PDB file of N, CA and C in Angstrom:
ATOM      1  N   MET A   1     185.368 109.929  40.304  1.00  0.00           N
ATOM      2  CA  MET A   1     184.578 111.093  40.687  1.00  0.00           C
ATOM      3  C   MET A   1     184.375 111.991  39.471  1.00  0.00           C
ATOM      4  N   PRO A   2     183.212 112.635  39.426  1.00  0.00           N
ATOM      5  CA  PRO A   2     182.945 113.511  38.295  1.00  0.00           C
ATOM      6  C   PRO A   2     183.814 114.773  38.321  1.00  0.00           C
ATOM      7  N   ILE A   3     184.106 115.247  37.137  1.00  0.00           N
ATOM      8  CA  ILE A   3     184.930 116.444  37.007  1.00  0.00           C
ATOM      9  C   ILE A   3     184.067 117.634  36.586  1.00  0.00           C
ATOM     10  N   ILE A   4     183.138 117.369  35.694  1.00  0.00           N
ATOM     11  CA  ILE A   4     182.273 118.424  35.166  1.00  0.00           C
ATOM     12  C   ILE A   4     181.235 118.827  36.222  1.00  0.00           C
ATOM     13  N   LYS A   5     180.943 120.109  36.258  1.00  0.00           N
ATOM     14  CA  LYS A   5     180.051 120.676  37.268  1.00  0.00           C
ATOM     15  C   LYS A   5     178.663 120.023  37.254  1.00  0.00           C
ATOM     16  N   SER A   6     178.100 119.816  36.069  1.00  0.00           N
ATOM     17  CA  SER A   6     176.764 119.220  35.974  1.00  0.00           C
ATOM     18  C   SER A   6     176.772 117.756  36.440  1.00  0.00           C
ATOM     19  N   ALA A   7     177.872 117.064  36.210  1.00  0.00           N
ATOM     20  CA  ALA A   7     177.994 115.680  36.662  1.00  0.00           C
ATOM     21  C   ALA A   7     178.100 115.607  38.178  1.00  0.00           C
ATOM     22  N   LYS A   8     178.763 116.608  38.763  1.00  0.00           N
ATOM     23  CA  LYS A   8     178.860 116.671  40.231  1.00  0.00           C
ATOM     24  C   LYS A   8     177.474 116.869  40.843  1.00  0.00           C
ATOM     25  N   LYS A   9     176.696 117.763  40.218  1.00  0.00           N
ATOM     26  CA  LYS A   9     175.343 118.017  40.707  1.00  0.00           C
ATOM     27  C   LYS A   9     174.476 116.770  40.545  1.00  0.00           C
ATOM     28  N   ALA A  10     174.611 116.097  39.422  1.00  0.00           N
ATOM     29  CA  ALA A  10     173.841 114.876  39.183  1.00  0.00           C
ATOM     30  C   ALA A  10     174.170 113.818  40.233  1.00  0.00           C
ATOM     31  N   LEU A  11     175.421 113.716  40.601  1.00  0.00           N
ATOM     32  CA  LEU A  11     175.836 112.765  41.635  1.00  0.00           C
ATOM     33  C   LEU A  11     175.205 113.110  42.979  1.00  0.00           C
ATOM     34  N   ARG A  12     175.206 114.411  43.324  1.00  0.00           N
ATOM     35  CA  ARG A  12     174.582 114.838  44.580  1.00  0.00           C
ATOM     36  C   ARG A  12     173.096 114.502  44.585  1.00  0.00           C
ATOM     37  N   GLN A  13     172.441 114.761  43.464  1.00  0.00           N
ATOM     38  CA  GLN A  13     171.012 114.470  43.361  1.00  0.00           C
ATOM     39  C   GLN A  13     170.745 112.976  43.492  1.00  0.00           C
ATOM     40  N   ASN A  14     171.580 112.173  42.850  1.00  0.00           N
ATOM     41  CA  ASN A  14     171.403 110.718  42.909  1.00  0.00           C
ATOM     42  C   ASN A  14     171.559 110.197  44.325  1.00  0.00           C
ATOM     43  N   ILE A  15     172.511 110.744  45.055  1.00  0.00           N
ATOM     44  CA  ILE A  15     172.731 110.309  46.439  1.00  0.00           C
ATOM     45  C   ILE A  15     171.526 110.656  47.309  1.00  0.00           C
ATOM     46  N   LYS A  16     170.971 111.859  47.137  1.00  0.00           N
ATOM     47  CA  LYS A  16     169.788 112.272  47.893  1.00  0.00           C
ATOM     48  C   LYS A  16     168.591 111.389  47.558  1.00  0.00           C
ATOM     49  N   ARG A  17     168.384 111.141  46.280  1.00  0.00           N
ATOM     50  CA  ARG A  17     167.248 110.325  45.845  1.00  0.00           C
ATOM     51  C   ARG A  17     167.379 108.897  46.338  1.00  0.00           C
ATOM     52  N   GLN A  18     168.601 108.399  46.302  1.00  0.00           N
ATOM     53  CA  GLN A  18     168.861 107.035  46.755  1.00  0.00           C
ATOM     54  C   GLN A  18     168.508 106.887  48.238  1.00  0.00           C
ATOM     55  N   ALA A  19     168.897 107.859  49.040  1.00  0.00           N
ATOM     56  CA  ALA A  19     168.606 107.829  50.480  1.00  0.00           C
ATOM     57  C   ALA A  19     167.102 107.902  50.727  1.00  0.00           C
ATOM     58  N   LYS A  20     166.419 108.783  50.001  1.00  0.00           N
ATOM     59  CA  LYS A  20     164.974 108.936  50.170  1.00  0.00           C
ATOM     60  C   LYS A  20     164.243 107.662  49.761  1.00  0.00           C
ATOM     61  N   ASN A  21     164.640 107.081  48.628  1.00  0.00           N
ATOM     62  CA  ASN A  21     164.015 105.844  48.159  1.00  0.00           C
ATOM     63  C   ASN A  21     164.255 104.696  49.123  1.00  0.00           C
ATOM     64  N   LYS A  22     165.433 104.668  49.727  1.00  0.00           N
ATOM     65  CA  LYS A  22     165.760 103.595  50.672  1.00  0.00           C
ATOM     66  C   LYS A  22     164.845 103.660  51.889  1.00  0.00           C
ATOM     67  N   THR A  23     164.627 104.860  52.420  1.00  0.00           N
ATOM     68  CA  THR A  23     163.755 104.987  53.587  1.00  0.00           C
ATOM     69  C   THR A  23     162.310 104.664  53.233  1.00  0.00           C
ATOM     70  N   ARG A  24     161.870 105.101  52.055  1.00  0.00           N
ATOM     71  CA  ARG A  24     160.497 104.814  51.623  1.00  0.00           C
ATOM     72  C   ARG A  24     160.287 103.310  51.453  1.00  0.00           C
ATOM     73  N   LYS A  25     161.251 102.655  50.827  1.00  0.00           N
ATOM     74  CA  LYS A  25     161.138 101.219  50.597  1.00  0.00           C
ATOM     75  C   LYS A  25     161.148 100.455  51.916  1.00  0.00           C
ATOM     76  N   GLN A  26     161.971 100.921  52.854  1.00  0.00           N
ATOM     77  CA  GLN A  26     162.046 100.264  54.161  1.00  0.00           C
ATOM     78  C   GLN A  26     160.724 100.402  54.915  1.00  0.00           C
ATOM     79  N   SER A  27     160.112 101.583  54.865  1.00  0.00           N
ATOM     80  CA  SER A  27     158.835 101.773  55.563  1.00  0.00           C
ATOM     81  C   SER A  27     157.736 100.936  54.917  1.00  0.00           C
ATOM     82  N   LEU A  28     157.779 100.810  53.592  1.00  0.00           N
ATOM     83  CA  LEU A  28     156.807  99.979  52.881  1.00  0.00           C
ATOM     84  C   LEU A  28     156.959  98.518  53.296  1.00  0.00           C
ATOM     85  N   LYS A  29     158.189  98.046  53.352  1.00  0.00           N
ATOM     86  CA  LYS A  29     158.438  96.663  53.756  1.00  0.00           C
ATOM     87  C   LYS A  29     157.981  96.414  55.181  1.00  0.00           C
ATOM     88  N   SER A  30     158.216  97.395  56.069  1.00  0.00           N
ATOM     89  CA  SER A  30     157.854  97.202  57.472  1.00  0.00           C
ATOM     90  C   SER A  30     156.338  97.140  57.655  1.00  0.00           C
ATOM     91  N   ILE A  31     155.583  97.981  56.926  1.00  0.00           N
ATOM     92  CA  ILE A  31     154.124  97.960  57.064  1.00  0.00           C
ATOM     93  C   ILE A  31     153.559  96.655  56.501  1.00  0.00           C
ATOM     94  N   LEU A  32     154.162  96.146  55.416  1.00  0.00           N
ATOM     95  CA  LEU A  32     153.719  94.866  54.864  1.00  0.00           C
ATOM     96  C   LEU A  32     154.014  93.719  55.825  1.00  0.00           C
ATOM     97  N   LYS A  33     155.192  93.738  56.416  1.00  0.00           N
ATOM     98  CA  LYS A  33     155.579  92.689  57.355  1.00  0.00           C
ATOM     99  C   LYS A  33     154.684  92.719  58.591  1.00  0.00           C
ATOM    100  N   GLU A  34     154.425  93.915  59.090  1.00  0.00           N
ATOM    101  CA  GLU A  34     153.570  94.070  60.271  1.00  0.00           C
ATOM    102  C   GLU A  34     152.167  93.518  60.005  1.00  0.00           C
ATOM    103  N   THR A  35     151.623  93.807  58.835  1.00  0.00           N
ATOM    104  CA  THR A  35     150.285  93.342  58.485  1.00  0.00           C
ATOM    105  C   THR A  35     150.256  91.825  58.315  1.00  0.00           C
ATOM    106  N   ARG A  36     151.305  91.274  57.716  1.00  0.00           N
ATOM    107  CA  ARG A  36     151.378  89.809  57.571  1.00  0.00           C
ATOM    108  C   ARG A  36     151.408  89.123  58.932  1.00  0.00           C
ATOM    109  N   GLU A  37     152.167  89.700  59.861  1.00  0.00           N
ATOM    110  CA  GLU A  37     152.251  89.122  61.202  1.00  0.00           C
ATOM    111  C   GLU A  37     150.914  89.244  61.928  1.00  0.00           C
ATOM    112  N   LEU A  38     150.211  90.377  61.752  1.00  0.00           N
ATOM    113  CA  LEU A  38     148.909  90.562  62.379  1.00  0.00           C
ATOM    114  C   LEU A  38     147.874  89.600  61.812  1.00  0.00           C
ATOM    115  N   ALA A  39     148.003  89.268  60.530  1.00  0.00           N
ATOM    116  CA  ALA A  39     147.063  88.340  59.909  1.00  0.00           C
ATOM    117  C   ALA A  39     147.123  86.972  60.584  1.00  0.00           C
ATOM    118  N   GLY A  40     148.288  86.608  61.064  1.00  0.00           N
ATOM    119  CA  GLY A  40     148.435  85.331  61.746  1.00  0.00           C
ATOM    120  C   GLY A  40     147.903  85.351  63.162  1.00  0.00           C
ATOM    121  N   LYS A  41     147.962  86.513  63.825  1.00  0.00           N
ATOM    122  CA  LYS A  41     147.598  86.603  65.239  1.00  0.00           C
ATOM    123  C   LYS A  41     146.244  87.293  65.438  1.00  0.00           C
ATOM    124  N   LYS A  42     146.182  88.578  65.093  1.00  0.00           N
ATOM    125  CA  LYS A  42     144.974  89.375  65.327  1.00  0.00           C
ATOM    126  C   LYS A  42     144.395  89.813  63.988  1.00  0.00           C
ATOM    127  N   THR A  43     143.436  89.060  63.499  1.00  0.00           N
ATOM    128  CA  THR A  43     142.886  89.358  62.170  1.00  0.00           C
ATOM    129  C   THR A  43     142.117  90.673  62.142  1.00  0.00           C
ATOM    130  N   SER A  44     141.503  91.045  63.261  1.00  0.00           N
ATOM    131  CA  SER A  44     140.749  92.303  63.272  1.00  0.00           C
ATOM    132  C   SER A  44     141.691  93.501  63.112  1.00  0.00           C
ATOM    133  N   ASP A  45     142.849  93.434  63.767  1.00  0.00           N
ATOM    134  CA  ASP A  45     143.835  94.508  63.612  1.00  0.00           C
ATOM    135  C   ASP A  45     144.415  94.530  62.201  1.00  0.00           C
ATOM    136  N   ALA A  46     144.580  93.350  61.632  1.00  0.00           N
ATOM    137  CA  ALA A  46     145.096  93.265  60.266  1.00  0.00           C
ATOM    138  C   ALA A  46     144.111  93.890  59.287  1.00  0.00           C
ATOM    139  N   LYS A  47     142.811  93.667  59.508  1.00  0.00           N
ATOM    140  CA  LYS A  47     141.789  94.262  58.646  1.00  0.00           C
ATOM    141  C   LYS A  47     141.796  95.780  58.759  1.00  0.00           C
ATOM    142  N   LYS A  48     142.004  96.283  59.984  1.00  0.00           N
ATOM    143  CA  LYS A  48     142.056  97.727  60.183  1.00  0.00           C
ATOM    144  C   LYS A  48     143.292  98.336  59.526  1.00  0.00           C
ATOM    145  N   ASN A  49     144.365  97.559  59.443  1.00  0.00           N
ATOM    146  CA  ASN A  49     145.630  98.025  58.877  1.00  0.00           C
ATOM    147  C   ASN A  49     145.630  97.969  57.347  1.00  0.00           C
ATOM    148  N   LEU A  50     144.680  97.248  56.768  1.00  0.00           N
ATOM    149  CA  LEU A  50     144.641  97.043  55.315  1.00  0.00           C
ATOM    150  C   LEU A  50     144.554  98.342  54.504  1.00  0.00           C
ATOM    151  N   PRO A  51     143.704  99.311  54.877  1.00  0.00           N
ATOM    152  CA  PRO A  51     143.677 100.571  54.105  1.00  0.00           C
ATOM    153  C   PRO A  51     145.020 101.302  54.100  1.00  0.00           C
ATOM    154  N   ALA A  52     145.751 101.227  55.208  1.00  0.00           N
ATOM    155  CA  ALA A  52     147.067 101.871  55.268  1.00  0.00           C
ATOM    156  C   ALA A  52     148.046 101.183  54.330  1.00  0.00           C
ATOM    157  N   VAL A  53     147.937  99.858  54.238  1.00  0.00           N
ATOM    158  CA  VAL A  53     148.792  99.086  53.329  1.00  0.00           C
ATOM    159  C   VAL A  53     148.480  99.463  51.889  1.00  0.00           C
ATOM    160  N   TYR A  54     147.179  99.520  51.565  1.00  0.00           N
ATOM    161  CA  TYR A  54     146.766  99.893  50.209  1.00  0.00           C
ATOM    162  C   TYR A  54     147.283 101.286  49.853  1.00  0.00           C
ATOM    163  N   LYS A  55     147.152 102.211  50.794  1.00  0.00           N
ATOM    164  CA  LYS A  55     147.597 103.583  50.550  1.00  0.00           C
ATOM    165  C   LYS A  55     149.101 103.633  50.296  1.00  0.00           C
ATOM    166  N   ALA A  56     149.854 102.916  51.124  1.00  0.00           N
ATOM    167  CA  ALA A  56     151.311 102.905  50.980  1.00  0.00           C
ATOM    168  C   ALA A  56     151.729 102.299  49.640  1.00  0.00           C
ATOM    169  N   LEU A  57     151.089 101.200  49.256  1.00  0.00           N
ATOM    170  CA  LEU A  57     151.422 100.548  47.985  1.00  0.00           C
ATOM    171  C   LEU A  57     151.050 101.426  46.789  1.00  0.00           C
ATOM    172  N   ASP A  58     149.870 102.041  46.852  1.00  0.00           N
ATOM    173  CA  ASP A  58     149.445 102.918  45.754  1.00  0.00           C
ATOM    174  C   ASP A  58     150.379 104.119  45.602  1.00  0.00           C
ATOM    175  N   LYS A  59     150.782 104.670  46.723  1.00  0.00           N
ATOM    176  CA  LYS A  59     151.675 105.830  46.681  1.00  0.00           C
ATOM    177  C   LYS A  59     153.044 105.433  46.135  1.00  0.00           C
ATOM    178  N   ALA A  60     153.532 104.261  46.558  1.00  0.00           N
ATOM    179  CA  ALA A  60     154.825 103.779  46.070  1.00  0.00           C
ATOM    180  C   ALA A  60     154.784 103.548  44.563  1.00  0.00           C
ATOM    181  N   ALA A  61     153.667 103.036  44.076  1.00  0.00           N
ATOM    182  CA  ALA A  61     153.519 102.805  42.633  1.00  0.00           C
ATOM    183  C   ALA A  61     153.417 104.138  41.893  1.00  0.00           C
ATOM    184  N   LYS A  62     152.735 105.091  42.500  1.00  0.00           N
ATOM    185  CA  LYS A  62     152.537 106.396  41.862  1.00  0.00           C
ATOM    186  C   LYS A  62     153.853 107.138  41.677  1.00  0.00           C
ATOM    187  N   ILE A  63     154.730 107.080  42.685  1.00  0.00           N
ATOM    188  CA  ILE A  63     155.990 107.814  42.598  1.00  0.00           C
ATOM    189  C   ILE A  63     157.083 107.037  41.873  1.00  0.00           C
ATOM    190  N   GLY A  64     156.785 105.785  41.516  1.00  0.00           N
ATOM    191  CA  GLY A  64     157.754 105.003  40.756  1.00  0.00           C
ATOM    192  C   GLY A  64     158.698 104.182  41.599  1.00  0.00           C
ATOM    193  N   LEU A  65     158.387 104.030  42.877  1.00  0.00           N
ATOM    194  CA  LEU A  65     159.229 103.222  43.756  1.00  0.00           C
ATOM    195  C   LEU A  65     159.096 101.740  43.409  1.00  0.00           C
ATOM    196  N   ILE A  66     157.857 101.327  43.137  1.00  0.00           N
ATOM    197  CA  ILE A  66     157.598  99.971  42.641  1.00  0.00           C
ATOM    198  C   ILE A  66     156.694 100.096  41.428  1.00  0.00           C
ATOM    199  N   LYS A  67     156.621  99.032  40.636  1.00  0.00           N
ATOM    200  CA  LYS A  67     155.777  99.067  39.446  1.00  0.00           C
ATOM    201  C   LYS A  67     154.315  98.860  39.840  1.00  0.00           C
ATOM    202  N   PRO A  68     153.388  99.386  39.043  1.00  0.00           N
ATOM    203  CA  PRO A  68     151.959  99.260  39.369  1.00  0.00           C
ATOM    204  C   PRO A  68     151.488  97.812  39.520  1.00  0.00           C
ATOM    205  N   ASN A  69     151.969  96.924  38.664  1.00  0.00           N
ATOM    206  CA  ASN A  69     151.555  95.527  38.769  1.00  0.00           C
ATOM    207  C   ASN A  69     152.086  94.882  40.035  1.00  0.00           C
ATOM    208  N   THR A  70     153.260  95.296  40.489  1.00  0.00           N
ATOM    209  CA  THR A  70     153.819  94.789  41.741  1.00  0.00           C
ATOM    210  C   THR A  70     152.939  95.218  42.902  1.00  0.00           C
ATOM    211  N   ALA A  71     152.490  96.460  42.873  1.00  0.00           N
ATOM    212  CA  ALA A  71     151.600  96.963  43.923  1.00  0.00           C
ATOM    213  C   ALA A  71     150.294  96.182  43.930  1.00  0.00           C
ATOM    214  N   ALA A  72     149.743  95.951  42.748  1.00  0.00           N
ATOM    215  CA  ALA A  72     148.486  95.206  42.642  1.00  0.00           C
ATOM    216  C   ALA A  72     148.657  93.778  43.154  1.00  0.00           C
ATOM    217  N   ARG A  73     149.773  93.161  42.820  1.00  0.00           N
ATOM    218  CA  ARG A  73     150.032  91.785  43.260  1.00  0.00           C
ATOM    219  C   ARG A  73     150.160  91.712  44.777  1.00  0.00           C
ATOM    220  N   LYS A  74     150.873  92.669  45.349  1.00  0.00           N
ATOM    221  CA  LYS A  74     151.059  92.676  46.801  1.00  0.00           C
ATOM    222  C   LYS A  74     149.739  92.932  47.521  1.00  0.00           C
ATOM    223  N   LYS A  75     148.912  93.842  46.989  1.00  0.00           N
ATOM    224  CA  LYS A  75     147.608  94.117  47.589  1.00  0.00           C
ATOM    225  C   LYS A  75     146.730  92.869  47.544  1.00  0.00           C
ATOM    226  N   SER A  76     146.746  92.204  46.419  1.00  0.00           N
ATOM    227  CA  SER A  76     145.939  91.003  46.258  1.00  0.00           C
ATOM    228  C   SER A  76     146.361  89.906  47.225  1.00  0.00           C
ATOM    229  N   ARG A  77     147.642  89.696  47.333  1.00  0.00           N
ATOM    230  CA  ARG A  77     148.153  88.628  48.197  1.00  0.00           C
ATOM    231  C   ARG A  77     147.900  88.908  49.672  1.00  0.00           C
ATOM    232  N   ILE A  78     148.033  90.165  50.077  1.00  0.00           N
ATOM    233  CA  ILE A  78     147.821  90.491  51.494  1.00  0.00           C
ATOM    234  C   ILE A  78     146.335  90.377  51.830  1.00  0.00           C
ATOM    235  N   ALA A  79     145.460  90.786  50.900  1.00  0.00           N
ATOM    236  CA  ALA A  79     144.022  90.661  51.129  1.00  0.00           C
ATOM    237  C   ALA A  79     143.616  89.193  51.197  1.00  0.00           C
ATOM    238  N   LYS A  80     144.193  88.393  50.325  1.00  0.00           N
ATOM    239  CA  LYS A  80     143.913  86.959  50.301  1.00  0.00           C
ATOM    240  C   LYS A  80     144.368  86.305  51.607  1.00  0.00           C
ATOM    241  N   LEU A  81     145.506  86.712  52.120  1.00  0.00           N
ATOM    242  CA  LEU A  81     146.057  86.181  53.365  1.00  0.00           C
ATOM    243  C   LEU A  81     145.129  86.502  54.543  1.00  0.00           C
ATOM    244  N   ILE A  82     144.643  87.730  54.584  1.00  0.00           N
ATOM    245  CA  ILE A  82     143.752  88.150  55.677  1.00  0.00           C
ATOM    246  C   ILE A  82     142.416  87.422  55.581  1.00  0.00           C
ATOM    247  N   ALA A  83     141.909  87.291  54.364  1.00  0.00           N
ATOM    248  CA  ALA A  83     140.631  86.592  54.163  1.00  0.00           C
ATOM    249  C   ALA A  83     140.751  85.130  54.590  1.00  0.00           C
ATOM    250  N   LYS A  84     141.869  84.517  54.279  1.00  0.00           N
ATOM    251  CA  LYS A  84     142.107  83.121  54.647  1.00  0.00           C
ATOM    252  C   LYS A  84     142.213  82.978  56.165  1.00  0.00           C
ATOM    253  N   ALA A  85     142.831  83.963  56.816  1.00  0.00           N
ATOM    254  CA  ALA A  85     142.998  83.914  58.272  1.00  0.00           C
ATOM    255  C   ALA A  85     141.672  84.095  58.990  1.00  0.00           C
ATOM    256  N   THR A  86     140.787  84.922  58.439  1.00  0.00           N
ATOM    257  CA  THR A  86     139.498  85.155  59.083  1.00  0.00           C
ATOM    258  C   THR A  86     138.547  83.973  58.878  1.00  0.00           C
ATOM    259  N   ALA A  87     138.693  83.264  57.795  1.00  0.00           N
ATOM    260  CA  ALA A  87     137.785  82.137  57.507  1.00  0.00           C
ATOM    261  C   ALA A  87     138.064  80.916  58.359  1.00  0.00           C
TER     262      ALA A  87
END
């Protein structure tokens, strides 16, 4: 455990950030999973959900939760999956 006052504060901040990042990452994973499942069953609903997926990925990349290239790769793959399901 930290002894110095600034180290104690840094630990508190890290714990708060860790919890916030965990919830954000979990919500991102759930929206991606939901869209993947919809692509297999209801393609029209998956298409409607696509802007929300893009928004979530862009926001995650913007705040540093995931890297920008990871966001781009995930967007590309989910769009490709939906396009393949509709064809």
